[in-house]
Amino acid sequence: MDDTEVSGLLLKWGRAGERALVTYEVDGRVATLWLRADQLRPAPDGPLAPEPLTD
């Protein structure tokens, strides 16, 4: 990939956590490939996480 930012879905981390299998769409085509972890960053609005449990 070049320096273009695209939104994608992280499918799986590699064993050492140095790479991740991601899928994304560019120009109407879907691609799935392994990317280095340093090429990834969270979406600007952050990951969807459940609300913390409270008593």
C-alpha atoms as a PDB file:
ATOM      1  CA  MET A   1       0.000   0.000   0.000  1.00  0.00           C
ATOM      2  CA  ASP A   2       1.068   3.562  -0.520  1.00  0.00           C
ATOM      3  CA  ASP A   3       0.531   6.400   1.987  1.00  0.00           C
ATOM      4  CA  THR A   4      -3.219   6.576   1.314  1.00  0.00           C
ATOM      5  CA  GLU A   5      -5.381   6.236   4.422  1.00  0.00           C
ATOM      6  CA  VAL A   6      -8.406   3.973   4.165  1.00  0.00           C
ATOM      7  CA  SER A   7     -10.817   2.567   6.708  1.00  0.00           C
ATOM      8  CA  GLY A   8     -10.669  -1.148   7.148  1.00  0.00           C
ATOM      9  CA  LEU A   9     -11.536  -4.049   9.349  1.00  0.00           C
ATOM     10  CA  LEU A  10      -8.842  -5.786  11.365  1.00  0.00           C
ATOM     11  CA  LEU A  11      -9.515  -9.502  11.072  1.00  0.00           C
ATOM     12  CA  LYS A  12      -6.625 -11.098  12.932  1.00  0.00           C
ATOM     13  CA  TRP A  13      -3.302 -10.281  14.588  1.00  0.00           C
ATOM     14  CA  GLY A  14      -0.227 -12.287  13.666  1.00  0.00           C
ATOM     15  CA  ARG A  15       1.386 -14.439  16.368  1.00  0.00           C
ATOM     16  CA  ALA A  16       3.985 -11.857  17.405  1.00  0.00           C
ATOM     17  CA  GLY A  17       1.629  -8.888  17.027  1.00  0.00           C
ATOM     18  CA  GLU A  18       3.911  -7.388  14.394  1.00  0.00           C
ATOM     19  CA  ARG A  19       1.372  -7.654  11.590  1.00  0.00           C
ATOM     20  CA  ALA A  20      -2.373  -7.825  11.123  1.00  0.00           C
ATOM     21  CA  LEU A  21      -4.712  -9.265   8.542  1.00  0.00           C
ATOM     22  CA  VAL A  22      -6.995  -6.458   7.377  1.00  0.00           C
ATOM     23  CA  THR A  23      -9.679  -6.038   4.768  1.00  0.00           C
ATOM     24  CA  TYR A  24     -10.563  -2.723   3.165  1.00  0.00           C
ATOM     25  CA  GLU A  25     -12.169  -1.219   0.066  1.00  0.00           C
ATOM     26  CA  VAL A  26     -10.524   1.134  -2.414  1.00  0.00           C
ATOM     27  CA  ASP A  27     -12.123   2.283  -5.662  1.00  0.00           C
ATOM     28  CA  GLY A  28     -14.923  -0.262  -5.307  1.00  0.00           C
ATOM     29  CA  ARG A  29     -12.556  -3.214  -4.901  1.00  0.00           C
ATOM     30  CA  VAL A  30     -12.107  -5.200  -1.703  1.00  0.00           C
ATOM     31  CA  ALA A  31      -8.619  -6.235  -0.649  1.00  0.00           C
ATOM     32  CA  THR A  32      -7.505  -8.446   2.231  1.00  0.00           C
ATOM     33  CA  LEU A  33      -3.837  -8.624   3.140  1.00  0.00           C
ATOM     34  CA  TRP A  34      -1.288  -8.679   5.929  1.00  0.00           C
ATOM     35  CA  LEU A  35       0.020  -5.257   6.959  1.00  0.00           C
ATOM     36  CA  ARG A  36       2.761  -4.321   9.411  1.00  0.00           C
ATOM     37  CA  ALA A  37       1.393  -3.115  12.740  1.00  0.00           C
ATOM     38  CA  ASP A  38       3.166   0.236  12.305  1.00  0.00           C
ATOM     39  CA  GLN A  39       1.003   0.861   9.208  1.00  0.00           C
ATOM     40  CA  LEU A  40      -2.195   0.717  11.272  1.00  0.00           C
ATOM     41  CA  ARG A  41      -3.858   3.215  13.562  1.00  0.00           C
ATOM     42  CA  PRO A  42      -7.240   3.377  15.274  1.00  0.00           C
ATOM     43  CA  ALA A  43     -10.097   5.153  13.540  1.00  0.00           C
ATOM     44  CA  PRO A  44     -10.404   8.826  14.583  1.00  0.00           C
ATOM     45  CA  ASP A  45     -13.626   8.131  16.482  1.00  0.00           C
ATOM     46  CA  GLY A  46     -11.997   5.212  18.327  1.00  0.00           C
ATOM     47  CA  PRO A  47     -12.890   1.549  18.482  1.00  0.00           C
ATOM     48  CA  LEU A  48     -16.336   0.468  19.510  1.00  0.00           C
ATOM     49  CA  ALA A  49     -16.035  -0.816  23.043  1.00  0.00           C
ATOM     50  CA  PRO A  50     -18.670  -2.002  25.494  1.00  0.00           C
ATOM     51  CA  GLU A  51     -19.558   0.279  28.371  1.00  0.00           C
ATOM     52  CA  PRO A  52     -17.687  -0.553  31.601  1.00  0.00           C
ATOM     53  CA  LEU A  53     -19.606  -2.641  34.096  1.00  0.00           C
ATOM     54  CA  THR A  54     -20.720  -0.843  37.242  1.00  0.00           C
ATOM     55  CA  ASP A  55     -22.461  -2.077  40.373  1.00  0.00           C
END
